[in-house]
Protein backbone atom coordinates (compact mmCIF):
# COMPACT_ATOMS: atom_id res chain seq x y z
CA MET A 1 -43.30 47.54 18.87
CA LYS A 2 -39.89 46.41 20.21
CA ARG A 3 -39.22 46.60 23.90
CA ILE A 4 -36.09 48.69 24.55
CA ILE A 5 -33.63 47.57 27.25
CA SER A 6 -30.89 49.87 28.55
CA SER A 7 -27.38 48.35 28.74
CA SER A 8 -24.73 49.16 31.34
CA VAL A 9 -22.83 51.35 28.87
CA GLY A 10 -25.80 53.46 27.93
CA LYS A 11 -26.53 51.67 24.64
CA LYS A 12 -30.12 50.55 24.22
CA MET A 13 -31.04 47.19 22.66
CA SER A 14 -34.24 45.39 22.04
CA LEU A 15 -35.38 42.27 23.92
CA GLU A 16 -34.65 40.11 20.87
CA GLU A 17 -31.10 41.46 20.64
CA ALA A 18 -30.51 40.77 24.32
CA GLN A 19 -31.76 37.20 23.89
CA GLU A 20 -29.49 36.66 20.85
CA LEU A 21 -26.51 37.99 22.83
CA ALA A 22 -27.31 35.55 25.65
CA ARG A 23 -27.46 32.67 23.16
CA ARG A 24 -24.04 33.63 21.73
CA ASP A 25 -22.53 33.76 25.20
CA LYS A 26 -24.00 30.34 25.92
CA ARG A 27 -22.45 28.87 22.77
CA ARG A 28 -19.05 30.36 23.64
CA LEU A 29 -19.18 28.90 27.14
CA LEU A 30 -20.19 25.49 25.79
CA LEU A 31 -17.29 25.50 23.32
CA MET A 32 -14.84 26.55 26.03
CA GLY A 33 -16.11 23.84 28.35
CA GLY A 34 -15.91 21.19 25.61
CA ALA A 35 -12.34 22.19 24.77
CA ALA A 36 -11.34 21.98 28.43
CA ILE A 37 -12.89 18.52 28.75
CA ALA A 38 -11.16 17.35 25.55
CA MET A 39 -7.78 18.56 26.85
CA ALA A 40 -8.33 16.76 30.13
CA VAL A 41 -9.29 13.51 28.37
CA PHE A 42 -6.23 13.75 26.11
CA TYR A 43 -3.96 14.29 29.12
CA LEU A 44 -5.46 11.30 30.92
CA VAL A 45 -4.99 9.05 27.87
CA VAL A 46 -1.34 10.09 27.45
CA SER A 47 -0.66 9.61 31.16
CA THR A 48 -2.21 6.14 31.03
CA GLU A 49 -0.07 5.08 28.05
CA GLU A 50 3.09 6.35 29.77
CA GLY A 51 2.15 4.44 32.89
CA ARG A 52 1.72 1.25 30.90
CA SER A 53 5.13 1.60 29.29
CA GLY A 54 6.75 2.03 32.70
CA THR A 55 9.51 4.20 31.21
CA GLY A 56 8.09 7.70 31.44
CA GLY A 57 7.31 7.84 27.73
CA SER A 58 9.75 5.28 26.36
CA LEU A 59 8.82 2.10 24.58
CA PRO A 60 8.03 -1.03 26.65
CA LEU A 61 11.10 -3.02 27.70
CA PRO A 62 11.44 -6.81 27.44
CA ASP A 63 10.77 -8.79 30.59
CA GLU A 64 13.72 -9.19 32.94
CA GLY A 65 15.87 -12.15 31.99
CA VAL A 66 14.28 -12.55 28.54
CA GLU A 67 16.70 -11.81 25.76
CA ALA A 68 15.41 -10.71 22.38
CA PRO A 69 16.39 -13.19 19.66
CA LEU A 70 19.22 -12.05 17.43
CA ASN A 71 18.24 -14.23 14.49
CA LEU A 72 15.56 -16.65 13.47
CA PRO A 73 16.21 -20.28 14.44
CA VAL A 74 18.46 -22.19 12.06
CA GLU A 75 17.71 -25.75 11.11
CA THR A 76 20.43 -28.33 11.66
CA ILE A 77 21.72 -30.27 8.64
CA PRO A 78 22.57 -33.89 9.48
CA PHE A 79 25.39 -35.83 7.80
CA ASP A 80 23.67 -38.63 5.87
CA GLN A 81 26.70 -40.79 4.91
CA ALA A 82 27.42 -42.34 8.26
CA ASP A 83 28.44 -45.64 6.60
CA LEU A 84 31.65 -43.98 5.36
CA LEU A 85 32.71 -43.27 8.93
CA ALA A 86 33.04 -46.98 9.61
CA ASN A 87 36.15 -47.04 7.40
CA ILE A 88 38.03 -44.68 9.76
CA LEU A 89 40.52 -46.61 11.86
CA ASP A 90 42.10 -44.16 14.33
CA ASP A 91 41.88 -46.10 17.59
CA THR A 92 45.58 -47.03 17.45
CA PRO A 93 48.74 -44.94 16.84
CA ASP A 94 49.42 -46.82 13.59
CA GLY A 95 45.87 -46.28 12.33
CA ARG A 96 46.28 -42.52 12.79
CA LEU A 97 49.09 -42.35 10.24
CA ASN A 98 46.62 -42.58 7.35
CA VAL A 99 43.71 -40.35 6.37
CA SER A 100 40.43 -41.94 5.32
CA ASN A 101 40.20 -40.03 2.04
CA GLU A 102 36.70 -41.28 1.29
CA ALA A 103 35.32 -39.95 4.57
CA LEU A 104 37.36 -36.72 4.30
CA THR A 105 35.96 -35.98 0.82
CA ALA A 106 32.38 -36.60 1.95
CA LEU A 107 32.81 -34.36 4.99
CA LEU A 108 34.43 -31.58 2.93
CA TYR A 109 31.36 -31.62 0.67
CA TYR A 110 29.15 -31.65 3.77
CA THR A 111 30.82 -28.56 5.25
CA LYS A 112 30.07 -26.63 2.06
CA LEU A 113 26.41 -26.69 3.22
CA LEU A 114 27.11 -25.34 6.70
CA THR A 115 27.09 -21.71 7.80
CA HIS A 116 28.00 -20.14 11.13
CA GLY A 117 24.33 -20.37 12.11
CA ASN A 118 24.27 -24.09 11.32
CA TYR A 119 27.32 -24.68 13.50
CA GLU A 120 25.72 -22.77 16.37
CA ALA A 121 22.56 -24.82 15.98
CA LEU A 122 24.64 -28.01 16.04
CA GLY A 123 26.27 -26.91 19.31
CA ILE A 124 29.80 -26.08 18.17
CA GLU A 125 32.58 -26.29 20.81
CA ASP A 126 35.90 -24.49 21.10
CA LEU A 127 38.80 -26.89 20.72
CA ASN A 128 41.43 -26.78 23.48
CA GLU A 129 43.91 -29.19 24.99
CA SER A 130 41.45 -30.94 27.28
CA ARG A 131 38.95 -31.43 24.46
CA CYS A 132 41.74 -32.78 22.24
CA ASN A 133 42.66 -35.32 24.91
CA ALA A 134 39.03 -36.41 25.28
CA ILE A 135 38.73 -36.92 21.52
CA SER A 136 41.99 -38.85 21.45
CA ASP A 137 40.72 -41.23 24.13
CA ASP A 138 37.53 -42.05 22.19
CA PRO A 139 37.55 -40.60 18.64
CA SER A 140 34.58 -42.61 17.38
CA SER A 141 32.22 -40.97 19.92
CA ALA A 142 33.10 -37.47 18.60
CA ARG A 143 32.93 -38.25 14.89
CA VAL A 144 31.47 -35.31 12.86
CA ALA A 145 31.32 -33.23 16.06
CA PRO A 146 31.22 -29.46 15.28
CA LEU A 147 34.47 -27.86 16.46
CA ARG A 148 36.03 -24.39 16.41
CA ALA A 149 39.82 -24.11 16.41
CA ARG A 150 41.90 -20.95 16.83
CA GLY A 151 45.65 -20.80 16.79
CA GLN A 152 48.94 -20.13 15.01
CA VAL A 153 49.70 -21.80 11.72
CA GLU A 154 52.61 -24.26 12.06
CA THR A 155 52.30 -25.91 8.63
CA TYR A 156 50.27 -25.01 5.55
CA SER A 157 50.15 -26.55 2.07
CA SER A 158 47.75 -27.73 -0.62
CA ARG A 159 47.12 -30.78 -2.74
CA GLN A 160 44.99 -31.78 -5.69
CA ARG A 161 43.71 -35.33 -5.71
CA ALA A 162 42.77 -36.84 -9.04
CA GLU A 163 39.42 -38.19 -7.88
CA VAL A 164 38.09 -34.88 -6.45
CA LYS A 165 37.13 -31.65 -8.19
CA PHE A 166 38.59 -29.20 -5.69
CA THR A 167 41.95 -28.32 -4.25
CA GLU A 168 42.50 -29.17 -0.60
CA PHE A 169 44.29 -26.77 1.72
CA TYR A 170 45.54 -28.36 4.88
CA GLY A 171 47.94 -27.78 7.75
CA THR A 172 48.34 -27.67 11.52
CA LEU A 173 47.43 -25.10 14.20
CA ALA A 174 49.01 -24.63 17.62
CA LEU A 175 45.86 -23.93 19.61
CA ASP A 176 45.42 -20.98 21.97
CA GLY A 177 44.35 -23.22 24.80
CA GLY A 178 47.16 -25.73 24.30
CA GLY A 179 47.31 -28.72 22.02
CA HIS A 180 47.14 -28.91 18.23
CA ALA A 181 44.58 -29.31 15.47
CA HIS A 182 45.05 -30.46 11.87
CA PHE A 183 42.73 -28.92 9.30
CA ALA A 184 41.59 -29.31 5.71
CA PHE A 185 39.39 -26.89 3.78
CA THR A 186 38.45 -26.20 0.16
CA ILE A 187 38.08 -22.41 -0.15
CA PRO A 188 41.21 -20.45 0.76
CA PRO A 189 41.01 -17.01 2.47
CA ASP A 190 41.66 -13.92 0.36
CA ASP A 191 45.21 -13.79 1.71
CA ALA A 192 46.99 -17.11 1.82
CA PRO A 193 47.87 -17.99 5.44
CA GLU A 194 51.54 -18.00 6.36
CA VAL A 195 53.34 -19.83 9.13
CA GLY A 196 52.99 -17.85 12.36
CA GLU A 197 49.70 -16.19 11.45
CA TYR A 198 46.45 -16.80 13.34
CA LEU A 199 43.47 -18.65 11.86
CA MET A 200 40.00 -19.54 13.03
CA ILE A 201 38.44 -22.68 11.58
CA GLU A 202 34.87 -23.91 12.07
CA GLY A 203 34.29 -27.46 10.91
CA VAL A 204 33.58 -31.05 11.88
CA LEU A 205 35.83 -33.78 13.22
CA VAL A 206 37.06 -36.32 10.68
CA GLN A 207 39.46 -38.41 12.77
CA MET A 208 42.54 -38.36 14.94
CA LEU A 209 45.62 -37.90 12.72
CA ARG A 210 49.34 -38.19 13.36
CA ALA A 211 51.17 -35.67 11.14
CA GLU A 212 54.59 -34.09 11.09
CA THR A 213 55.15 -30.50 12.30
CA PRO A 214 58.34 -28.47 12.82
CA GLY A 215 58.36 -29.78 16.39
CA GLY A 216 57.94 -33.42 15.38
CA PHE A 217 54.97 -35.74 14.87
CA VAL A 218 51.74 -34.61 16.53
CA ASP A 219 48.56 -36.57 17.28
CA ALA A 220 45.65 -34.15 16.91
CA PRO A 221 42.06 -33.98 15.66
CA LEU A 222 41.64 -33.46 11.90
CA ILE A 223 38.91 -30.89 11.16
CA ALA A 224 37.17 -30.64 7.79
CA SER A 225 35.91 -27.12 6.95
CA ARG A 226 34.72 -25.00 4.07
CA THR A 227 37.26 -22.23 4.65
CA ALA A 228 39.38 -20.48 7.28
CA THR A 229 39.06 -16.99 8.76
CA PRO A 230 42.05 -14.75 9.66
CA SER A 231 42.19 -14.29 13.42
CA THR A 232 44.27 -12.48 16.05
CA PRO A 233 46.09 -13.60 19.20
CA PRO A 234 44.13 -13.41 22.47
CA THR A 235 44.04 -9.81 23.67
CA ALA A 236 46.12 -9.01 26.77
CA LEU A 237 44.77 -6.50 29.30
CA LEU A 238 46.87 -3.29 29.39
CA ASP A 239 47.04 -0.66 32.11
CA HIS A 240 45.77 2.81 31.29
CA GLN A 241 49.14 4.29 30.37
CA ALA A 242 50.10 1.40 28.07
CA LEU A 243 46.63 1.46 26.54
CA ARG A 244 46.81 5.16 25.70
CA LEU A 245 50.23 4.68 24.13
CA ALA A 246 48.93 1.76 22.04
CA LEU A 247 45.91 3.78 20.90
CA PHE A 248 48.04 6.82 20.07
CA GLU A 249 50.42 4.73 17.96
CA GLY A 250 47.89 2.45 16.29
CA VAL A 251 44.78 4.59 15.70
CA LYS A 252 44.18 7.53 13.39
CA ASP A 253 40.99 9.52 12.83
CA ASP A 254 39.23 9.02 9.52
CA GLU A 255 39.60 11.81 6.99
CA ILE A 256 37.41 12.29 3.94
CA GLU A 257 40.33 11.27 1.71
CA ASP A 258 41.57 8.51 4.04
CA VAL A 259 38.97 6.28 5.70
CA SER A 260 41.07 3.68 7.49
CA GLY A 261 38.32 1.73 9.24
CA LEU A 262 38.66 0.12 12.66
CA PRO A 263 42.10 -1.35 13.47
CA ARG A 264 41.41 -4.72 15.03
CA VAL A 265 44.13 -5.01 17.68
CA PRO A 266 43.74 -1.51 19.27
CA LEU A 267 39.96 -1.85 19.21
CA ASP A 268 40.15 -5.21 20.99
CA GLN A 269 42.51 -3.73 23.59
CA LEU A 270 40.06 -0.91 24.36
CA LEU A 271 37.09 -3.30 24.35
CA LEU A 272 38.83 -5.54 26.88
CA TYR A 273 39.84 -2.56 29.03
CA ALA A 274 36.26 -1.21 28.97
CA ARG A 275 34.86 -4.58 30.00
CA GLU A 276 37.37 -5.38 32.76
CA ASN A 277 37.71 -1.90 34.32
CA SER A 278 34.10 -0.75 34.30
CA ALA A 279 33.65 -1.47 38.02
CA THR A 280 36.95 0.09 39.13
CA GLU A 281 36.96 3.21 36.92
CA ASN A 282 36.31 6.46 38.84
CA TRP A 283 33.35 7.57 36.74
CA GLU A 284 32.50 10.46 39.06
CA GLU A 285 35.69 12.22 38.00
CA ALA A 286 35.18 11.40 34.31
CA SER A 287 34.20 14.33 32.09
CA GLU A 288 30.60 14.61 30.94
CA LEU A 289 30.29 14.58 27.18
CA ASN A 290 28.98 18.06 26.34
CA ASN A 291 28.94 20.24 23.26
CA HIS A 292 32.33 21.84 23.96
CA THR A 293 34.09 18.51 24.56
CA LEU A 294 32.45 16.87 21.57
CA ASN A 295 33.62 19.62 19.22
CA GLY A 296 37.14 19.30 20.66
CA ILE A 297 37.12 15.56 19.93
CA LEU A 298 35.99 16.15 16.34
CA GLN A 299 38.77 18.67 15.74
CA GLY A 300 41.44 16.20 16.82
CA GLY A 301 40.97 12.90 18.57
CA ASP A 302 44.57 12.06 19.54
CA ALA A 303 44.37 13.87 22.89
CA PHE A 304 41.15 12.09 23.86
CA ARG A 305 41.80 8.45 22.91
CA GLY A 306 41.11 6.09 25.79
CA ILE A 307 39.80 8.93 27.98
CA PRO A 308 36.69 8.00 30.02
CA PHE A 309 33.50 10.01 29.46
CA ARG A 310 30.02 10.03 30.93
CA VAL A 311 27.20 10.44 28.42
CA PRO A 312 24.27 12.39 29.95
CA VAL A 313 20.63 11.51 29.39
CA SER A 314 20.35 11.30 25.61
CA GLY A 315 18.25 9.71 22.89
CA ASN A 316 18.77 6.09 21.86
CA LEU A 317 18.82 6.49 18.08
CA GLY A 318 19.13 2.76 17.46
CA SER A 319 21.08 -0.19 18.80
CA TRP A 320 21.47 -3.79 17.76
CA THR A 321 23.43 -6.90 18.70
CA GLU A 322 25.08 -8.77 15.87
CA ARG A 323 27.69 -11.40 15.24
CA ALA A 324 31.14 -9.98 15.92
CA ASP A 325 34.05 -10.11 13.52
CA GLU A 326 36.89 -12.37 14.58
CA ASN A 327 38.43 -10.67 17.63
CA GLY A 328 41.00 -11.16 20.37
CA LEU A 329 38.34 -11.20 23.10
CA ARG A 330 36.80 -14.31 21.47
CA LEU A 331 33.37 -12.70 21.63
CA GLY A 332 30.70 -14.15 19.38
CA THR A 333 28.50 -11.04 19.43
CA MET A 334 28.84 -7.32 20.15
CA THR A 335 26.35 -4.49 20.45
CA HIS A 336 26.44 -1.39 18.21
CA GLY A 337 24.39 1.78 18.34
CA TRP A 338 23.92 5.53 17.99
CA ILE A 339 23.18 8.14 20.64
CA GLY A 340 21.96 11.68 19.97
CA ASN A 341 21.48 14.78 22.10
CA PHE A 342 19.82 18.12 21.28
CA GLY A 343 22.46 19.81 23.44
CA TRP A 344 25.20 18.77 21.01
CA THR A 345 24.74 21.63 18.59
CA GLY A 346 28.20 21.79 17.04
CA ALA A 347 29.54 19.84 14.09
CA THR A 348 27.56 16.73 15.02
CA GLY A 349 24.68 15.87 17.29
CA VAL A 350 25.34 12.12 17.43
CA ILE A 351 27.95 9.60 18.50
CA GLN A 352 28.44 6.01 17.37
CA TRP A 353 29.28 3.27 19.87
CA ILE A 354 30.29 -0.35 20.21
CA ALA A 355 30.21 -2.45 23.39
CA PRO A 356 31.60 -5.88 24.37
CA PHE A 357 28.27 -7.16 25.69
CA ASP A 358 24.71 -7.94 24.64
CA GLU A 359 21.99 -5.53 25.76
CA PRO A 360 18.59 -6.55 24.30
CA LYS A 361 16.82 -3.84 26.34
CA LEU A 362 18.23 -1.28 23.91
CA ASP A 363 17.31 -3.03 20.64
CA GLN A 364 14.75 -0.91 18.80
CA ARG A 365 13.46 -3.99 16.98
CA TYR A 366 12.09 -5.26 20.27
CA GLY A 367 10.93 -2.05 21.94
CA GLY A 368 14.24 -0.53 22.98
CA ALA A 369 14.44 2.31 25.49
CA ARG A 370 14.17 5.81 24.05
CA LEU A 371 16.48 7.47 26.58
CA VAL A 372 19.80 6.18 27.89
CA THR A 373 22.85 7.16 29.90
CA ALA A 374 26.27 5.67 29.17
CA LYS A 375 29.89 5.39 30.30
CA GLY A 376 32.79 4.65 28.03
CA TYR A 377 35.98 5.62 26.24
CA PHE A 378 36.64 7.55 23.05
CA PHE A 379 38.25 5.49 20.27
CA LYS A 380 38.35 7.48 17.01
CA ASN A 381 36.41 9.73 14.64
CA VAL A 382 34.76 7.79 11.81
CA TYR A 383 32.92 8.73 8.64
CA TYR A 384 29.44 7.48 7.83
CA LEU A 385 26.78 8.19 5.21
CA LYS A 386 23.67 10.12 6.20
CA GLN A 387 20.23 9.34 4.78
CA ASP A 388 20.89 11.64 1.84
CA GLN A 389 24.15 9.68 1.22
CA SER A 390 26.34 12.64 2.15
CA PRO A 391 29.46 11.81 4.22
CA HIS A 392 29.53 12.96 7.81
CA ARG A 393 31.94 12.44 10.70
CA ALA A 394 31.09 11.34 14.22
CA PRO A 395 33.07 10.08 17.23
CA LEU A 396 33.11 6.34 17.95
CA PHE A 397 33.08 5.33 21.62
CA VAL A 398 33.71 1.97 23.26
CA LEU A 399 31.15 1.76 26.06
CA SER A 400 31.45 -0.03 29.37
CA GLU A 401 27.83 0.55 30.29
CA VAL A 402 24.62 1.66 28.59
CA THR A 403 21.62 2.08 30.88
CA PRO A 404 18.00 2.77 29.90
CA PHE A 405 16.92 6.02 31.56
CA ILE A 406 13.55 5.91 33.30
CA PRO A 407 12.36 9.44 34.22
CA VAL A 408 10.98 9.84 37.75
CA HIS A 409 7.25 10.45 37.54
CA ASP A 410 6.28 13.93 38.77
CA PRO A 411 2.64 13.94 40.02
CA MET A 412 2.40 17.76 40.15
CA PRO A 413 1.26 18.18 36.48
CA SER A 414 -1.48 15.63 37.16
CA TYR A 415 -2.59 17.51 40.26
CA ILE A 416 -2.65 20.79 38.34
CA MET A 417 -4.61 19.21 35.50
CA TYR A 418 -7.13 17.67 37.85
CA GLY A 419 -7.49 21.03 39.59
CA VAL A 420 -8.06 22.82 36.28
CA LEU A 421 -10.56 20.15 35.25
CA SER A 422 -12.45 20.48 38.56
CA ILE A 423 -12.59 24.28 38.33
CA THR A 424 -13.70 24.03 34.69
CA LEU A 425 -16.50 21.62 35.56
CA LEU A 426 -17.55 23.88 38.45
CA MET A 427 -17.59 26.91 36.15
CA ILE A 428 -19.62 25.02 33.57
CA ALA A 429 -22.13 23.99 36.22
CA LEU A 430 -22.29 27.58 37.53
CA VAL A 431 -22.78 28.96 34.02
CA PHE A 432 -25.59 26.50 33.33
CA PHE A 433 -27.22 27.49 36.65
CA LEU A 434 -26.96 31.21 35.85
CA LEU A 435 -28.19 30.69 32.30
CA ARG A 436 -31.16 28.69 33.55
CA ARG A 437 -31.98 31.39 36.13
CA ASP A 438 -31.65 34.14 33.51
CA LYS A 439 -33.87 32.13 31.17
CA LYS A 440 -36.57 31.91 33.82
CA ALA A 441 -36.24 35.63 34.59
CA ALA A 442 -36.41 36.48 30.88
CA GLU A 443 -39.54 34.34 30.51
CA GLN A 444 -41.15 36.05 33.48
CA LEU A 445 -40.19 39.45 32.03
CA ARG A 446 -41.65 38.47 28.67
CA GLN A 447 -44.89 37.37 30.30
CA GLU A 448 -45.00 40.65 32.25
CA PHE A 449 -44.52 42.60 29.00
CA VAL A 450 -47.34 40.64 27.40
CA ARG A 451 -49.62 41.26 30.40
CA ARG A 452 -48.87 44.97 30.38
CA ARG A 453 -49.36 45.18 26.62
CA LYS A 454 -52.72 43.50 26.92
CA ALA A 455 -53.64 45.79 29.81
CA ARG A 456 -52.76 48.90 27.79
CA ALA A 457 -54.72 47.63 24.81
CA LYS A 458 -57.73 47.00 27.04
CA ASN A 459 -57.45 50.46 28.57
CA ARG A 460 -57.33 52.04 25.10
CA GLN A 461 -60.51 50.22 24.11
CA ALA A 462 -62.25 51.32 27.33
CA SER A 463 -61.40 55.02 26.90
CA PRO A 464 -63.59 55.72 23.75
CA GLU A 465 -66.55 53.94 25.29
CA THR A 466 -66.25 56.08 28.43
CA THR A 467 -65.93 59.25 26.36
């Protein structure tokens, strides 16, 4: 016979059904408590990882003062025909009238093995007037020294010697920093240099040479090189009005049918302006780059060229420092990157940027910051290919400053979570206490039912005997 228990809503259930209901409630409470504990543990783990990164969720940054390497180390390649250098006689004015062809040929072959990285590893120096004078005073001490010369072409010609298998291109440069340099190389640029144009030559010193130029005979170092690179004059700093006029006249936005690339001279002018005027620019009055402004730039960039903008907290979609093309700032490297923002919901959600400085803290290859703020100037709209190879247009900015954004830690979510965790643990303890008390009461009730059942059975047995 099942014992019937009345519920609070008038429905009657047996003792076994009441016990099963209590077990189900216990399982539900255990699952809820376990879920709350799991959420708390997950929150603590995430908070710990963010604390380790020190950037409020961004990737770890390199240590202060430690720059991430741009490239793997390059081995130096020594010149192994030093005996040929003994034939060079350039200590006297008369000895400088002749070129040591044997040594020149060997060094021209040697420079075919050298790359820009090799020259950097060898400790290449920029050639200027003072360095020319030092070489002239003691040419033998600088033999095969790696040198970089930039300047205007004063003479340029070629010759083919019977005993060598290549054509030699040689001439004279009027150096940017004063003085002259003679050169000889074996691989001409795509466009043959003309008198008055700028060249950059990386090579090694052969000897001091006296050669004729339009201004007369010139004593200058002779540099052997593999080739020459077209260059530009040193960039002059313009004021804001002159800069905007230069950008308006020399820069056009890319169109799908006319991708013009980056004009070197205007880009260098804006790069120099961004570098030199970063501290004096009134950035507080500069417009913040928002969705409305960004769409206006994409529709027509002429009105915005050279205008300063502040980029709000946005995502660092990738940045890297690489060797710069030949430029008027004479920079060896520049930093490039992309910035994106979910608030830019118009035609594009990203901007491209270039900056005249190295910023290894942003390089994603070495744990770059996820969030940044920036200040800079609009240059032009450019086309690029998306991952699906479809063309897309985005603004290109020249930045004066890119700063990793470190969110301020707000302890309130932690306090709330700890409070929820404490209340949850207290509720779990209270539930276990109540369940244990109810279990004891149910056991006592069961024992009382058994006692009463036995008493009734005993009374029923006693009644016939009495009768």
